[in-house]
C-alpha atoms as a PDB file:
ATOM      1  CA  MET A   1      19.676   7.847 116.026  1.00  0.00           C
ATOM      2  CA  THR A   2      17.233   4.821 115.354  1.00  0.00           C
ATOM      3  CA  GLN A   3      14.296   4.799 112.466  1.00  0.00           C
ATOM      4  CA  HIS A   4      11.497   5.600 115.402  1.00  0.00           C
ATOM      5  CA  GLY A   5      13.741   8.033 117.109  1.00  0.00           C
ATOM      6  CA  GLN A   6      13.924  10.176 113.583  1.00  0.00           C
ATOM      7  CA  GLY A   7      10.542  10.068 113.418  1.00  0.00           C
ATOM      8  CA  GLU A   8       9.974  10.877 116.448  1.00  0.00           C
ATOM      9  CA  LEU A   9      12.347  13.866 115.881  1.00  0.00           C
ATOM     10  CA  ALA A  10      10.325  14.815 112.754  1.00  0.00           C
ATOM     11  CA  LYS A  11       7.474  15.259 114.667  1.00  0.00           C
ATOM     12  CA  LEU A  12       8.576  17.249 116.935  1.00  0.00           C
ATOM     13  CA  VAL A  13      10.250  19.409 114.569  1.00  0.00           C
ATOM     14  CA  HIS A  14       6.917  19.314 112.160  1.00  0.00           C
ATOM     15  CA  ASP A  15       4.778  20.617 115.739  1.00  0.00           C
ATOM     16  CA  ALA A  16       7.593  23.235 116.565  1.00  0.00           C
ATOM     17  CA  ARG A  17       6.630  24.686 113.139  1.00  0.00           C
ATOM     18  CA  LYS A  18       2.711  25.545 113.971  1.00  0.00           C
ATOM     19  CA  PRO A  19       3.775  27.974 116.941  1.00  0.00           C
ATOM     20  CA  LEU A  20       6.338  29.528 114.594  1.00  0.00           C
ATOM     21  CA  ASN A  21       4.185  30.207 111.807  1.00  0.00           C
ATOM     22  CA  GLN A  22       1.684  31.673 114.409  1.00  0.00           C
ATOM     23  CA  ILE A  23       4.344  33.811 115.705  1.00  0.00           C
ATOM     24  CA  SER A  24       4.962  35.474 112.147  1.00  0.00           C
ATOM     25  CA  MET A  25       1.607  35.767 110.822  1.00  0.00           C
ATOM     26  CA  ASN A  26       0.118  37.462 114.031  1.00  0.00           C
ATOM     27  CA  SER A  27       3.470  40.005 114.144  1.00  0.00           C
ATOM     28  CA  GLU A  28       2.355  41.018 110.582  1.00  0.00           C
ATOM     29  CA  LEU A  29      -0.990  41.390 111.902  1.00  0.00           C
ATOM     30  CA  ILE A  30       0.339  43.549 114.737  1.00  0.00           C
ATOM     31  CA  LYS A  31       2.625  46.084 111.725  1.00  0.00           C
ATOM     32  CA  LEU A  32      -0.793  46.239 109.678  1.00  0.00           C
ATOM     33  CA  ILE A  33      -3.446  46.657 112.773  1.00  0.00           C
ATOM     34  CA  ALA A  34      -0.701  49.385 114.524  1.00  0.00           C
ATOM     35  CA  GLU A  35      -1.526  51.936 111.896  1.00  0.00           C
ATOM     36  CA  GLN A  36      -5.365  51.918 112.208  1.00  0.00           C
ATOM     37  CA  PRO A  37      -6.214  54.224 115.183  1.00  0.00           C
ATOM     38  CA  GLY A  38      -8.148  52.904 118.647  1.00  0.00           C
ATOM     39  CA  SER A  39      -6.243  49.445 118.083  1.00  0.00           C
ATOM     40  CA  GLN A  40      -4.740  49.384 120.741  1.00  0.00           C
ATOM     41  CA  GLN A  41      -7.181  46.195 122.446  1.00  0.00           C
ATOM     42  CA  GLN A  42      -6.412  44.334 119.312  1.00  0.00           C
ATOM     43  CA  ILE A  43      -2.125  44.597 119.512  1.00  0.00           C
ATOM     44  CA  ILE A  44      -2.599  43.580 122.891  1.00  0.00           C
ATOM     45  CA  GLU A  45      -4.168  40.519 121.966  1.00  0.00           C
ATOM     46  CA  ILE A  46      -2.413  39.617 119.302  1.00  0.00           C
ATOM     47  CA  ALA A  47       0.709  39.980 121.320  1.00  0.00           C
ATOM     48  CA  ASN A  48      -0.723  37.482 123.760  1.00  0.00           C
ATOM     49  CA  THR A  49      -1.256  35.000 121.374  1.00  0.00           C
ATOM     50  CA  ILE A  50       2.653  35.838 120.320  1.00  0.00           C
ATOM     51  CA  ILE A  51       3.505  34.961 123.865  1.00  0.00           C
ATOM     52  CA  LYS A  52       1.292  31.910 124.219  1.00  0.00           C
ATOM     53  CA  ALA A  53       2.872  30.143 120.689  1.00  0.00           C
ATOM     54  CA  THR A  54       6.541  31.110 121.773  1.00  0.00           C
ATOM     55  CA  LYS A  55       5.850  29.357 125.327  1.00  0.00           C
ATOM     56  CA  GLU A  56       4.451  26.327 123.084  1.00  0.00           C
ATOM     57  CA  CYS A  57       7.966  26.352 120.784  1.00  0.00           C
ATOM     58  CA  SER A  58       9.893  26.830 123.754  1.00  0.00           C
ATOM     59  CA  GLU A  59       8.104  23.590 125.556  1.00  0.00           C
ATOM     60  CA  LEU A  60       8.184  21.274 122.548  1.00  0.00           C
ATOM     61  CA  LEU A  61      12.029  22.703 121.912  1.00  0.00           C
ATOM     62  CA  GLN A  62      12.467  21.525 125.663  1.00  0.00           C
ATOM     63  CA  THR A  63      10.985  18.382 124.749  1.00  0.00           C
ATOM     64  CA  LEU A  64      13.218  17.815 121.855  1.00  0.00           C
ATOM     65  CA  VAL A  65      16.400  18.268 123.825  1.00  0.00           C
ATOM     66  CA  GLU A  66      15.010  15.870 126.881  1.00  0.00           C
ATOM     67  CA  GLN A  67      14.239  13.394 123.838  1.00  0.00           C
ATOM     68  CA  GLY A  68      18.049  13.861 122.985  1.00  0.00           C
ATOM     69  CA  ASN A  69      19.246  13.632 126.395  1.00  0.00           C
ATOM     70  CA  ASN A  70      17.630   9.949 126.587  1.00  0.00           C
ATOM     71  CA  GLU A  71      18.818   8.138 123.350  1.00  0.00           C
END
């Protein structure tokens, strides 16, 4: 792998960490909020954030695969 390719790979891995951190933090938040009465709407909103972050991470991983296939 070229130095440019390694730099690009490092950037993609770094970018993938952001949605993974969002997933982790929001999962913890759901655990805390679930104990409160009337928290259903908040849980739904947080779950939607987790779904969005999961899709974002999946797209980044697909980009990584495609770049790997091009080299």
